[in-house]
């Protein structure tokens, strides 16, 4: 379709490249934010007749102690979390919303941003579509941002999707 673009960019006369989007990764933590981003992933997948990869990362369960956060390792919590995640991700993949799409599902364990980047690399993902949770201040400082880390380190382009119905109040104040 766009195999021979004759448009040039700026004064450097660099040809604008055409990129094929064959595999799209939509990480999910099963939140409303992730579900909202999945709508974008579905649209892009349909548009490019791509394969949609759904990934859930099970992060280690931790509890606070005097020494900081300590992993919970003695319970069967990990197995229960994995079983629940598998049921939920398969439910999403077989949902009416994704009917007719080529989908792959996967579970990973570890730090979410690292697992997403590793999955994207190992599976030749062309585009990652990830929700942001819109955390600010102390919550952002404590929990960090998985989406930010993915944007910085991903092997492919990343589309971040802000939570539905959010307005950047700080931006409005700055422009008054």
N, C-alpha and C. Protein backbone atom coordinates (compact mmCIF):
# COMPACT_ATOMS: atom_id res chain seq x y z
N UNK A 1 0.82 -1.18 0.00
CA UNK A 1 0.00 0.00 0.00
C UNK A 1 0.87 1.26 0.00
N UNK A 2 1.83 1.37 0.92
CA UNK A 2 2.69 2.53 0.99
C UNK A 2 4.15 2.14 0.74
N UNK A 3 4.37 1.13 -0.04
CA UNK A 3 5.72 0.61 -0.19
C UNK A 3 6.69 1.59 -0.84
N UNK A 4 6.19 2.54 -1.64
CA UNK A 4 7.09 3.49 -2.27
C UNK A 4 6.65 4.91 -1.98
N UNK A 5 6.95 5.34 -0.78
CA UNK A 5 6.58 6.71 -0.41
C UNK A 5 7.54 7.69 -1.04
N UNK A 6 7.00 8.68 -1.67
CA UNK A 6 7.87 9.67 -2.30
C UNK A 6 7.87 10.98 -1.53
N UNK A 7 7.40 10.95 -0.29
CA UNK A 7 7.37 12.13 0.55
C UNK A 7 8.71 12.22 1.28
N UNK A 8 9.25 13.40 1.36
CA UNK A 8 10.53 13.58 2.04
C UNK A 8 10.33 14.47 3.25
N UNK A 9 11.13 14.27 4.23
CA UNK A 9 11.01 14.98 5.49
C UNK A 9 12.03 16.10 5.59
N UNK A 10 11.53 17.30 5.76
CA UNK A 10 12.40 18.43 6.02
C UNK A 10 13.45 18.69 4.97
N UNK A 11 14.44 19.41 5.35
CA UNK A 11 15.50 19.80 4.42
C UNK A 11 16.53 18.70 4.20
N UNK A 12 16.42 17.61 4.95
CA UNK A 12 17.42 16.55 4.83
C UNK A 12 17.08 15.53 3.76
N UNK A 13 15.90 15.63 3.19
CA UNK A 13 15.47 14.72 2.14
C UNK A 13 15.57 13.25 2.53
N UNK A 14 15.22 12.98 3.77
CA UNK A 14 15.15 11.58 4.21
C UNK A 14 13.79 11.03 3.82
N UNK A 15 13.79 9.86 3.25
CA UNK A 15 12.54 9.23 2.86
C UNK A 15 11.78 8.78 4.10
N UNK A 16 10.50 8.99 4.13
CA UNK A 16 9.68 8.52 5.23
C UNK A 16 9.45 7.03 5.02
N UNK A 17 9.75 6.28 6.04
CA UNK A 17 9.67 4.82 5.95
C UNK A 17 8.23 4.35 6.16
N UNK A 18 7.93 3.22 5.61
CA UNK A 18 6.66 2.53 5.85
C UNK A 18 6.95 1.37 6.78
N UNK A 19 6.18 1.27 7.83
CA UNK A 19 6.38 0.21 8.80
C UNK A 19 5.19 -0.73 8.80
N UNK A 20 5.48 -1.99 8.86
CA UNK A 20 4.44 -3.00 8.91
C UNK A 20 4.17 -3.35 10.37
N UNK A 21 2.92 -3.29 10.77
CA UNK A 21 2.52 -3.65 12.12
C UNK A 21 1.86 -5.03 12.04
N UNK A 22 2.59 -6.04 12.45
CA UNK A 22 2.08 -7.41 12.39
C UNK A 22 1.69 -7.95 13.75
N UNK A 23 2.39 -7.48 14.80
CA UNK A 23 2.15 -7.99 16.15
C UNK A 23 2.04 -6.82 17.12
N UNK A 24 0.92 -6.81 17.85
CA UNK A 24 0.66 -5.75 18.82
C UNK A 24 0.56 -6.38 20.20
N UNK A 25 1.25 -5.79 21.16
CA UNK A 25 1.22 -6.27 22.53
C UNK A 25 0.37 -5.34 23.38
N UNK A 26 -0.60 -5.91 24.08
CA UNK A 26 -1.44 -5.15 25.01
C UNK A 26 -1.29 -5.77 26.40
N UNK A 27 -0.37 -5.24 27.20
CA UNK A 27 -0.25 -5.75 28.57
C UNK A 27 -1.50 -5.39 29.37
N UNK A 28 -1.91 -6.27 30.26
CA UNK A 28 -3.09 -5.99 31.07
C UNK A 28 -2.86 -6.39 32.52
N UNK A 29 -3.35 -5.55 33.41
CA UNK A 29 -3.39 -5.90 34.83
C UNK A 29 -4.84 -6.10 35.25
N UNK A 30 -5.72 -6.22 34.28
CA UNK A 30 -7.16 -6.44 34.45
C UNK A 30 -7.88 -5.24 35.07
N UNK A 31 -7.26 -4.08 35.03
CA UNK A 31 -7.88 -2.87 35.58
C UNK A 31 -8.77 -2.22 34.51
N UNK A 32 -9.59 -1.26 34.95
CA UNK A 32 -10.40 -0.50 34.00
C UNK A 32 -9.51 0.27 33.03
N UNK A 33 -8.37 0.76 33.51
CA UNK A 33 -7.44 1.50 32.65
C UNK A 33 -6.92 0.59 31.52
N UNK A 34 -6.54 -0.62 31.88
CA UNK A 34 -6.03 -1.57 30.88
C UNK A 34 -7.13 -1.94 29.88
N UNK A 35 -8.36 -2.07 30.37
CA UNK A 35 -9.48 -2.40 29.49
C UNK A 35 -9.72 -1.26 28.49
N UNK A 36 -9.58 -0.04 28.96
CA UNK A 36 -9.71 1.13 28.08
C UNK A 36 -8.64 1.10 26.99
N UNK A 37 -7.41 0.82 27.36
CA UNK A 37 -6.31 0.73 26.39
C UNK A 37 -6.53 -0.42 25.41
N UNK A 38 -7.17 -1.48 25.87
CA UNK A 38 -7.44 -2.62 25.01
C UNK A 38 -8.35 -2.24 23.84
N UNK A 39 -9.20 -1.25 24.05
CA UNK A 39 -10.02 -0.76 22.94
C UNK A 39 -9.16 -0.20 21.81
N UNK A 40 -8.13 0.52 22.17
CA UNK A 40 -7.19 1.03 21.16
C UNK A 40 -6.45 -0.12 20.51
N UNK A 41 -6.03 -1.09 21.31
CA UNK A 41 -5.30 -2.25 20.76
C UNK A 41 -6.18 -3.00 19.76
N UNK A 42 -7.45 -3.16 20.09
CA UNK A 42 -8.38 -3.84 19.18
C UNK A 42 -8.49 -3.06 17.86
N UNK A 43 -8.63 -1.74 17.96
CA UNK A 43 -8.76 -0.91 16.76
C UNK A 43 -7.52 -1.03 15.87
N UNK A 44 -6.35 -0.93 16.46
CA UNK A 44 -5.11 -1.03 15.69
C UNK A 44 -4.96 -2.44 15.11
N UNK A 45 -5.32 -3.44 15.87
CA UNK A 45 -5.21 -4.83 15.40
C UNK A 45 -6.12 -5.05 14.19
N UNK A 46 -7.34 -4.57 14.27
CA UNK A 46 -8.27 -4.69 13.14
C UNK A 46 -7.75 -3.93 11.93
N UNK A 47 -7.30 -2.72 12.16
CA UNK A 47 -6.84 -1.84 11.07
C UNK A 47 -5.70 -2.45 10.27
N UNK A 48 -4.75 -3.08 10.98
CA UNK A 48 -3.58 -3.64 10.31
C UNK A 48 -3.64 -5.15 10.14
N UNK A 49 -4.79 -5.74 10.45
CA UNK A 49 -4.92 -7.19 10.37
C UNK A 49 -3.74 -7.85 11.08
N UNK A 50 -3.46 -7.37 12.26
CA UNK A 50 -2.31 -7.83 13.04
C UNK A 50 -2.73 -8.93 14.01
N UNK A 51 -1.76 -9.44 14.72
CA UNK A 51 -1.98 -10.42 15.77
C UNK A 51 -1.88 -9.68 17.11
N UNK A 52 -2.87 -9.88 17.97
CA UNK A 52 -2.92 -9.20 19.26
C UNK A 52 -2.39 -10.13 20.34
N UNK A 53 -1.34 -9.69 21.02
CA UNK A 53 -0.77 -10.45 22.13
C UNK A 53 -1.23 -9.81 23.43
N UNK A 54 -1.87 -10.60 24.27
CA UNK A 54 -2.30 -10.14 25.59
C UNK A 54 -1.34 -10.72 26.62
N UNK A 55 -0.82 -9.87 27.48
CA UNK A 55 0.16 -10.31 28.48
C UNK A 55 -0.24 -9.79 29.85
N UNK A 56 -0.23 -10.70 30.82
CA UNK A 56 -0.40 -10.30 32.22
C UNK A 56 0.87 -10.70 32.96
N UNK A 57 1.38 -9.76 33.75
CA UNK A 57 2.58 -10.02 34.53
C UNK A 57 2.19 -10.14 35.99
N UNK A 58 2.56 -11.25 36.56
CA UNK A 58 2.30 -11.49 37.98
C UNK A 58 3.53 -11.04 38.74
N UNK A 59 3.37 -9.95 39.46
CA UNK A 59 4.50 -9.42 40.22
C UNK A 59 4.56 -10.12 41.57
N UNK A 60 5.77 -10.25 42.12
CA UNK A 60 5.90 -10.93 43.41
C UNK A 60 5.06 -10.23 44.48
N UNK A 61 4.34 -11.03 45.26
CA UNK A 61 3.56 -10.47 46.37
C UNK A 61 4.53 -10.10 47.49
N UNK A 62 4.34 -8.93 48.06
CA UNK A 62 5.22 -8.47 49.13
C UNK A 62 4.39 -7.95 50.30
N UNK A 63 5.02 -7.93 51.48
CA UNK A 63 4.36 -7.33 52.63
C UNK A 63 5.39 -6.49 53.36
N UNK A 64 4.92 -5.43 54.03
CA UNK A 64 5.86 -4.52 54.70
C UNK A 64 6.42 -5.12 55.99
N UNK A 65 7.71 -4.91 56.21
CA UNK A 65 8.38 -5.29 57.46
C UNK A 65 9.27 -4.14 57.87
N UNK A 66 9.95 -4.30 58.98
CA UNK A 66 10.89 -3.25 59.42
C UNK A 66 12.02 -3.06 58.42
N UNK A 67 12.36 -4.11 57.69
CA UNK A 67 13.45 -4.05 56.72
C UNK A 67 12.99 -3.57 55.34
N UNK A 68 11.73 -3.21 55.21
CA UNK A 68 11.20 -2.79 53.91
C UNK A 68 10.13 -3.75 53.44
N UNK A 69 10.06 -3.98 52.13
CA UNK A 69 9.08 -4.90 51.57
C UNK A 69 9.74 -6.26 51.37
N UNK A 70 9.10 -7.29 51.92
CA UNK A 70 9.65 -8.64 51.86
C UNK A 70 8.72 -9.53 51.04
N UNK A 71 9.26 -10.35 50.12
CA UNK A 71 8.40 -11.24 49.32
C UNK A 71 7.70 -12.28 50.18
N UNK A 72 6.48 -12.59 49.81
CA UNK A 72 5.74 -13.68 50.45
C UNK A 72 6.08 -14.94 49.67
N UNK A 73 6.72 -15.88 50.31
CA UNK A 73 7.15 -17.06 49.58
C UNK A 73 6.63 -18.36 50.11
N UNK A 74 6.01 -18.37 51.27
CA UNK A 74 5.64 -19.64 51.87
C UNK A 74 4.22 -20.06 51.56
N UNK A 75 3.42 -19.19 51.00
CA UNK A 75 2.02 -19.53 50.71
C UNK A 75 1.88 -19.98 49.26
N UNK A 76 0.72 -20.53 48.96
CA UNK A 76 0.41 -20.91 47.58
C UNK A 76 -0.19 -19.74 46.82
N UNK A 77 0.08 -18.54 47.30
CA UNK A 77 -0.48 -17.34 46.71
C UNK A 77 -0.10 -17.20 45.24
N UNK A 78 1.14 -17.51 44.91
CA UNK A 78 1.60 -17.40 43.53
C UNK A 78 0.82 -18.30 42.59
N UNK A 79 0.56 -19.53 43.01
CA UNK A 79 -0.21 -20.46 42.18
C UNK A 79 -1.64 -19.98 42.00
N UNK A 80 -2.23 -19.47 43.09
CA UNK A 80 -3.59 -18.96 43.01
C UNK A 80 -3.66 -17.74 42.10
N UNK A 81 -2.67 -16.85 42.21
CA UNK A 81 -2.64 -15.66 41.35
C UNK A 81 -2.48 -16.06 39.89
N UNK A 82 -1.63 -17.03 39.62
CA UNK A 82 -1.41 -17.47 38.24
C UNK A 82 -2.67 -18.12 37.67
N UNK A 83 -3.31 -18.94 38.48
CA UNK A 83 -4.54 -19.60 38.02
C UNK A 83 -5.62 -18.55 37.71
N UNK A 84 -5.78 -17.59 38.59
CA UNK A 84 -6.76 -16.52 38.38
C UNK A 84 -6.41 -15.69 37.15
N UNK A 85 -5.14 -15.36 36.99
CA UNK A 85 -4.70 -14.57 35.83
C UNK A 85 -4.96 -15.33 34.53
N UNK A 86 -4.68 -16.62 34.54
CA UNK A 86 -4.90 -17.42 33.33
C UNK A 86 -6.38 -17.41 32.94
N UNK A 87 -7.27 -17.58 33.91
CA UNK A 87 -8.71 -17.55 33.64
C UNK A 87 -9.11 -16.19 33.09
N UNK A 88 -8.63 -15.11 33.73
CA UNK A 88 -9.00 -13.76 33.30
C UNK A 88 -8.49 -13.41 31.92
N UNK A 89 -7.26 -13.78 31.61
CA UNK A 89 -6.70 -13.41 30.30
C UNK A 89 -7.37 -14.21 29.18
N UNK A 90 -7.70 -15.47 29.46
CA UNK A 90 -8.42 -16.27 28.46
C UNK A 90 -9.83 -15.74 28.25
N UNK A 91 -10.44 -15.24 29.31
CA UNK A 91 -11.78 -14.65 29.22
C UNK A 91 -11.74 -13.43 28.31
N UNK A 92 -10.70 -12.61 28.46
CA UNK A 92 -10.55 -11.42 27.60
C UNK A 92 -10.34 -11.85 26.15
N UNK A 93 -9.45 -12.80 25.94
CA UNK A 93 -9.11 -13.25 24.57
C UNK A 93 -10.32 -13.82 23.85
N UNK A 94 -11.21 -14.48 24.59
CA UNK A 94 -12.37 -15.09 23.95
C UNK A 94 -13.63 -14.22 24.05
N UNK A 95 -13.46 -12.98 24.49
CA UNK A 95 -14.60 -12.08 24.64
C UNK A 95 -15.17 -11.69 23.28
N UNK A 96 -16.41 -11.27 23.31
CA UNK A 96 -17.08 -10.80 22.10
C UNK A 96 -16.35 -9.59 21.50
N UNK A 97 -15.77 -8.76 22.38
CA UNK A 97 -15.06 -7.56 21.93
C UNK A 97 -13.88 -7.90 21.02
N UNK A 98 -13.27 -9.06 21.23
CA UNK A 98 -12.10 -9.43 20.43
C UNK A 98 -12.42 -10.54 19.43
N UNK A 99 -13.69 -10.84 19.25
CA UNK A 99 -14.09 -11.89 18.31
C UNK A 99 -13.55 -11.59 16.92
N UNK A 100 -13.02 -12.61 16.28
CA UNK A 100 -12.51 -12.47 14.92
C UNK A 100 -11.06 -12.02 14.83
N UNK A 101 -10.47 -11.64 15.95
CA UNK A 101 -9.07 -11.22 15.94
C UNK A 101 -8.16 -12.42 16.22
N UNK A 102 -6.96 -12.35 15.65
CA UNK A 102 -5.94 -13.36 15.98
C UNK A 102 -5.31 -12.93 17.30
N UNK A 103 -5.47 -13.76 18.33
CA UNK A 103 -4.93 -13.40 19.64
C UNK A 103 -4.00 -14.48 20.17
N UNK A 104 -3.06 -14.02 20.98
CA UNK A 104 -2.16 -14.89 21.73
C UNK A 104 -2.23 -14.42 23.18
N UNK A 105 -2.18 -15.34 24.12
CA UNK A 105 -2.16 -14.94 25.52
C UNK A 105 -0.90 -15.47 26.18
N UNK A 106 -0.44 -14.73 27.17
CA UNK A 106 0.76 -15.16 27.89
C UNK A 106 0.73 -14.59 29.30
N UNK A 107 1.36 -15.32 30.20
CA UNK A 107 1.57 -14.87 31.56
C UNK A 107 3.07 -14.83 31.79
N UNK A 108 3.49 -13.88 32.59
CA UNK A 108 4.90 -13.78 32.96
C UNK A 108 4.97 -13.43 34.44
N UNK A 109 6.12 -13.65 35.02
CA UNK A 109 6.32 -13.30 36.42
C UNK A 109 7.52 -12.39 36.54
N UNK A 110 7.44 -11.47 37.51
CA UNK A 110 8.55 -10.56 37.74
C UNK A 110 8.08 -9.12 37.74
N UNK A 111 9.01 -8.22 37.56
CA UNK A 111 8.67 -6.80 37.49
C UNK A 111 7.98 -6.54 36.16
N UNK A 112 6.84 -5.88 36.21
CA UNK A 112 6.00 -5.72 35.02
C UNK A 112 6.75 -5.11 33.85
N UNK A 113 7.45 -4.00 34.06
CA UNK A 113 8.11 -3.33 32.94
C UNK A 113 9.16 -4.24 32.30
N UNK A 114 9.94 -4.93 33.11
CA UNK A 114 10.97 -5.84 32.56
C UNK A 114 10.35 -6.99 31.78
N UNK A 115 9.28 -7.56 32.32
CA UNK A 115 8.63 -8.69 31.65
C UNK A 115 8.00 -8.26 30.33
N UNK A 116 7.42 -7.07 30.29
CA UNK A 116 6.81 -6.56 29.05
C UNK A 116 7.89 -6.35 27.99
N UNK A 117 8.99 -5.75 28.37
CA UNK A 117 10.09 -5.50 27.43
C UNK A 117 10.68 -6.81 26.93
N UNK A 118 10.88 -7.77 27.84
CA UNK A 118 11.42 -9.08 27.45
C UNK A 118 10.47 -9.80 26.50
N UNK A 119 9.18 -9.75 26.79
CA UNK A 119 8.19 -10.40 25.92
C UNK A 119 8.19 -9.75 24.54
N UNK A 120 8.20 -8.43 24.51
CA UNK A 120 8.19 -7.73 23.23
C UNK A 120 9.42 -8.09 22.39
N UNK A 121 10.55 -8.18 23.03
CA UNK A 121 11.79 -8.53 22.33
C UNK A 121 11.74 -9.96 21.82
N UNK A 122 11.36 -10.88 22.69
CA UNK A 122 11.35 -12.31 22.33
C UNK A 122 10.32 -12.65 21.26
N UNK A 123 9.26 -11.86 21.17
CA UNK A 123 8.17 -12.18 20.23
C UNK A 123 8.08 -11.23 19.04
N UNK A 124 9.12 -10.43 18.81
CA UNK A 124 9.17 -9.51 17.67
C UNK A 124 7.92 -8.63 17.58
N UNK A 125 7.53 -8.06 18.71
CA UNK A 125 6.36 -7.19 18.75
C UNK A 125 6.68 -5.89 18.02
N UNK A 126 5.73 -5.41 17.22
CA UNK A 126 5.91 -4.19 16.43
C UNK A 126 5.38 -2.93 17.13
N UNK A 127 4.43 -3.12 18.05
CA UNK A 127 3.82 -1.98 18.74
C UNK A 127 3.29 -2.45 20.09
N UNK A 128 3.55 -1.67 21.12
CA UNK A 128 2.99 -1.94 22.45
C UNK A 128 1.96 -0.85 22.74
N UNK A 129 0.78 -1.27 23.18
CA UNK A 129 -0.26 -0.32 23.57
C UNK A 129 -0.53 -0.57 25.05
N UNK A 130 -0.18 0.42 25.88
CA UNK A 130 -0.20 0.23 27.33
C UNK A 130 -0.94 1.38 28.02
N UNK A 131 -1.69 1.02 29.04
CA UNK A 131 -2.40 2.03 29.83
C UNK A 131 -1.47 2.70 30.81
N UNK A 132 -1.73 3.96 31.06
CA UNK A 132 -1.08 4.65 32.17
C UNK A 132 -2.13 4.75 33.26
N UNK A 133 -1.69 4.78 34.48
CA UNK A 133 -2.64 4.84 35.59
C UNK A 133 -2.80 6.24 36.14
N UNK A 134 -2.05 7.18 35.61
CA UNK A 134 -2.23 8.57 36.00
C UNK A 134 -1.83 8.88 37.42
N UNK A 135 -0.93 8.09 37.99
CA UNK A 135 -0.48 8.37 39.35
C UNK A 135 0.38 9.61 39.37
N UNK A 136 0.28 10.36 40.44
CA UNK A 136 1.09 11.56 40.63
C UNK A 136 1.62 11.57 42.06
N UNK A 137 2.56 12.43 42.28
CA UNK A 137 3.06 12.68 43.63
C UNK A 137 3.64 11.46 44.31
N UNK A 138 3.24 11.25 45.56
CA UNK A 138 3.80 10.18 46.38
C UNK A 138 3.52 8.80 45.80
N UNK A 139 2.31 8.57 45.30
CA UNK A 139 1.99 7.27 44.70
C UNK A 139 2.93 6.98 43.53
N UNK A 140 3.18 7.99 42.70
CA UNK A 140 4.08 7.82 41.55
C UNK A 140 5.50 7.53 42.04
N UNK A 141 5.91 8.24 43.09
CA UNK A 141 7.24 8.04 43.65
C UNK A 141 7.41 6.63 44.20
N UNK A 142 6.41 6.14 44.90
CA UNK A 142 6.49 4.81 45.52
C UNK A 142 6.36 3.71 44.48
N UNK A 143 5.33 3.80 43.64
CA UNK A 143 5.05 2.71 42.70
C UNK A 143 5.77 2.86 41.37
N UNK A 144 6.21 4.07 41.06
CA UNK A 144 6.86 4.29 39.77
C UNK A 144 5.85 4.17 38.64
N UNK A 145 6.35 4.11 37.46
CA UNK A 145 5.46 3.99 36.32
C UNK A 145 5.97 2.90 35.40
N UNK A 146 5.20 1.84 35.32
CA UNK A 146 5.52 0.75 34.40
C UNK A 146 5.55 1.30 32.97
N UNK A 147 4.55 2.10 32.62
CA UNK A 147 4.47 2.63 31.26
C UNK A 147 5.70 3.47 30.92
N UNK A 148 6.17 4.29 31.85
CA UNK A 148 7.36 5.11 31.59
C UNK A 148 8.57 4.25 31.30
N UNK A 149 8.76 3.22 32.11
CA UNK A 149 9.91 2.32 31.90
C UNK A 149 9.81 1.61 30.55
N UNK A 150 8.61 1.19 30.20
CA UNK A 150 8.42 0.50 28.91
C UNK A 150 8.72 1.46 27.76
N UNK A 151 8.24 2.68 27.85
CA UNK A 151 8.51 3.67 26.79
C UNK A 151 10.01 3.86 26.62
N UNK A 152 10.74 3.98 27.73
CA UNK A 152 12.19 4.22 27.66
C UNK A 152 12.98 3.04 27.11
N UNK A 153 12.54 1.81 27.38
CA UNK A 153 13.38 0.65 27.09
C UNK A 153 12.83 -0.33 26.06
N UNK A 154 11.63 -0.11 25.56
CA UNK A 154 11.02 -1.06 24.63
C UNK A 154 11.78 -1.12 23.31
N UNK A 155 11.75 -2.28 22.66
CA UNK A 155 12.42 -2.45 21.37
C UNK A 155 11.57 -1.97 20.19
N UNK A 156 10.40 -1.39 20.47
CA UNK A 156 9.49 -0.97 19.42
C UNK A 156 8.72 0.26 19.91
N UNK A 157 7.95 0.90 19.04
CA UNK A 157 7.14 2.04 19.47
C UNK A 157 6.12 1.63 20.54
N UNK A 158 5.78 2.60 21.38
CA UNK A 158 4.82 2.38 22.46
C UNK A 158 3.76 3.47 22.41
N UNK A 159 2.52 3.06 22.40
CA UNK A 159 1.40 4.00 22.50
C UNK A 159 0.89 3.92 23.93
N UNK A 160 0.93 5.05 24.65
CA UNK A 160 0.39 5.07 26.00
C UNK A 160 -1.01 5.65 25.96
N UNK A 161 -1.90 5.06 26.73
CA UNK A 161 -3.29 5.46 26.76
C UNK A 161 -3.63 5.92 28.16
N UNK A 162 -3.97 7.19 28.27
CA UNK A 162 -4.34 7.75 29.57
C UNK A 162 -5.69 7.21 30.02
N UNK A 163 -5.92 7.24 31.33
CA UNK A 163 -7.23 6.78 31.82
C UNK A 163 -8.36 7.59 31.19
N UNK A 164 -9.46 6.91 30.97
CA UNK A 164 -10.62 7.53 30.37
C UNK A 164 -11.12 8.68 31.25
N UNK A 165 -11.55 9.76 30.62
CA UNK A 165 -12.14 10.91 31.30
C UNK A 165 -11.19 11.60 32.28
N UNK A 166 -9.90 11.63 31.95
CA UNK A 166 -8.98 12.37 32.80
C UNK A 166 -8.59 13.66 32.11
N UNK A 167 -8.40 14.66 32.89
CA UNK A 167 -7.97 15.96 32.39
C UNK A 167 -6.73 16.33 33.16
N UNK A 168 -5.73 16.80 32.45
CA UNK A 168 -4.51 17.23 33.11
C UNK A 168 -4.76 18.61 33.71
N UNK A 169 -5.12 18.63 35.00
CA UNK A 169 -5.46 19.89 35.67
C UNK A 169 -4.26 20.83 35.74
N UNK A 170 -3.06 20.26 35.85
CA UNK A 170 -1.87 21.09 35.92
C UNK A 170 -1.64 21.85 34.61
N UNK A 171 -1.91 21.22 33.49
CA UNK A 171 -1.71 21.86 32.20
C UNK A 171 -2.68 23.04 32.04
N UNK A 172 -3.91 22.86 32.52
CA UNK A 172 -4.89 23.95 32.40
C UNK A 172 -4.47 25.15 33.24
N UNK A 173 -3.94 24.91 34.43
CA UNK A 173 -3.52 26.01 35.29
C UNK A 173 -2.34 26.75 34.69
N UNK A 174 -1.42 26.04 34.06
CA UNK A 174 -0.21 26.66 33.50
C UNK A 174 -0.53 27.58 32.33
N UNK A 175 -1.59 27.31 31.61
CA UNK A 175 -1.90 28.09 30.40
C UNK A 175 -2.87 29.23 30.64
N UNK A 176 -3.22 29.46 31.88
CA UNK A 176 -4.17 30.55 32.18
C UNK A 176 -3.47 31.86 32.26
